[in-house]
């Protein structure tokens, strides 16, 4: 994770570059430090986006595994199915987090 200082320095440098262009109509010279800072911020942003997508895929996979467990072990009630398919959100849950399946589990073999 980048420090706030790195992000702010890159933002200020980009802001100065854009302001100079706006005032003069020509792109001013920029330093390698500015380019390095902006590259670092963009790379971190790209990494965060990739990580978030992977987390969403992981959650969906976990949810599918729970659905398979319920389907193969017991016949869930209509209420349980409705919670699995469209879980109610609470203050502790967000819309993309699947409801946990705790009331029915497979008996151990």
Protein backbone atom coordinates (compact mmCIF):
# COMPACT_ATOMS: atom_id res chain seq x y z
CA UNK A 1 0.00 0.00 0.00
CA UNK A 2 1.32 3.41 -0.92
CA UNK A 3 1.84 6.08 1.66
CA UNK A 4 -0.44 9.08 1.57
CA UNK A 5 2.60 11.29 0.94
CA UNK A 6 3.49 9.48 -2.31
CA UNK A 7 -0.06 9.82 -3.58
CA UNK A 8 -0.29 13.50 -2.63
CA UNK A 9 3.08 14.35 -4.23
CA UNK A 10 2.06 12.67 -7.48
CA UNK A 11 -1.28 14.49 -7.39
CA UNK A 12 0.33 17.87 -6.78
CA UNK A 13 2.88 17.29 -9.55
CA UNK A 14 0.18 16.30 -12.02
CA UNK A 15 -1.92 19.28 -10.93
CA UNK A 16 0.98 21.68 -11.57
CA UNK A 17 1.63 20.10 -14.97
CA UNK A 18 -2.02 20.45 -16.01
CA UNK A 19 -2.29 23.99 -14.65
CA UNK A 20 0.81 25.06 -16.57
CA UNK A 21 -0.64 23.55 -19.75
CA UNK A 22 -3.95 25.28 -19.15
CA UNK A 23 -2.24 28.66 -18.70
CA UNK A 24 0.25 28.42 -21.58
CA UNK A 25 -1.34 26.00 -24.04
CA UNK A 26 1.92 24.05 -24.20
CA UNK A 27 3.06 21.01 -22.27
CA UNK A 28 5.76 22.02 -19.83
CA UNK A 29 8.86 19.95 -19.15
CA UNK A 30 8.29 17.31 -16.52
CA UNK A 31 10.74 15.54 -14.27
CA UNK A 32 11.49 11.86 -14.15
CA UNK A 33 10.44 11.97 -10.47
CA UNK A 34 6.95 13.09 -11.50
CA UNK A 35 6.70 10.35 -14.10
CA UNK A 36 7.99 7.75 -11.63
CA UNK A 37 5.50 8.91 -8.97
CA UNK A 38 2.56 8.80 -11.36
CA UNK A 39 3.62 5.37 -12.61
CA UNK A 40 3.79 4.10 -9.04
CA UNK A 41 0.30 5.40 -8.25
CA UNK A 42 -1.21 3.97 -11.44
CA UNK A 43 0.45 0.58 -10.85
CA UNK A 44 -0.88 0.47 -7.29
CA UNK A 45 -4.37 1.33 -8.52
CA UNK A 46 -4.14 -1.44 -11.13
CA UNK A 47 -3.03 -3.90 -8.45
CA UNK A 48 -5.94 -2.92 -6.21
CA UNK A 49 -8.43 -3.44 -9.04
CA UNK A 50 -6.99 -6.87 -9.80
CA UNK A 51 -7.10 -7.85 -6.13
CA UNK A 52 -10.69 -6.74 -5.67
CA UNK A 53 -11.82 -8.70 -8.72
CA UNK A 54 -10.08 -11.80 -7.42
CA UNK A 55 -11.77 -11.34 -4.04
CA UNK A 56 -15.19 -11.14 -5.68
CA UNK A 57 -14.47 -14.32 -7.64
CA UNK A 58 -13.33 -16.02 -4.45
CA UNK A 59 -16.53 -15.02 -2.64
CA UNK A 60 -18.67 -16.30 -5.49
CA UNK A 61 -16.76 -19.59 -5.50
CA UNK A 62 -17.25 -20.00 -1.74
CA UNK A 63 -20.95 -19.28 -2.15
CA UNK A 64 -21.23 -21.91 -4.89
CA UNK A 65 -19.55 -24.47 -2.64
CA UNK A 66 -22.08 -23.75 0.12
CA UNK A 67 -24.92 -24.13 -2.37
CA UNK A 68 -23.52 -27.47 -3.52
CA UNK A 69 -23.25 -28.64 0.10
CA UNK A 70 -26.87 -27.78 0.79
CA UNK A 71 -28.05 -29.39 -2.45
CA UNK A 72 -26.24 -32.67 -1.90
CA UNK A 73 -26.88 -33.12 1.82
CA UNK A 74 -30.39 -31.97 2.53
CA UNK A 75 -33.35 -30.38 0.94
CA UNK A 76 -33.38 -26.78 2.22
CA UNK A 77 -36.62 -25.09 3.10
CA UNK A 78 -38.09 -22.39 0.88
CA UNK A 79 -37.01 -19.77 3.43
CA UNK A 80 -33.41 -21.03 3.36
CA UNK A 81 -33.37 -21.01 -0.43
CA UNK A 82 -34.64 -17.45 -0.53
CA UNK A 83 -31.86 -16.40 1.86
CA UNK A 84 -29.25 -18.17 -0.28
CA UNK A 85 -30.49 -16.71 -3.56
CA UNK A 86 -31.27 -13.18 -2.36
CA UNK A 87 -29.85 -12.66 1.12
CA UNK A 88 -31.24 -9.79 3.16
CA UNK A 89 -28.62 -7.18 3.88
CA UNK A 90 -27.91 -5.97 7.36
CA UNK A 91 -25.59 -3.38 8.85
CA UNK A 92 -22.86 -6.04 8.97
CA UNK A 93 -23.38 -7.40 5.45
CA UNK A 94 -23.04 -5.87 2.03
CA UNK A 95 -25.00 -6.86 -1.04
CA UNK A 96 -22.12 -8.85 -2.58
CA UNK A 97 -21.55 -11.03 0.48
CA UNK A 98 -23.51 -14.29 0.32
CA UNK A 99 -25.54 -15.44 3.26
CA UNK A 100 -23.88 -18.13 5.31
CA UNK A 101 -25.46 -21.53 5.48
CA UNK A 102 -25.36 -22.69 9.07
CA UNK A 103 -28.64 -24.42 9.82
CA UNK A 104 -28.04 -27.47 7.62
CA UNK A 105 -24.83 -29.38 7.29
CA UNK A 106 -23.90 -32.80 5.97
CA UNK A 107 -23.64 -35.55 8.53
CA UNK A 108 -20.15 -36.92 8.89
CA UNK A 109 -19.60 -40.22 7.13
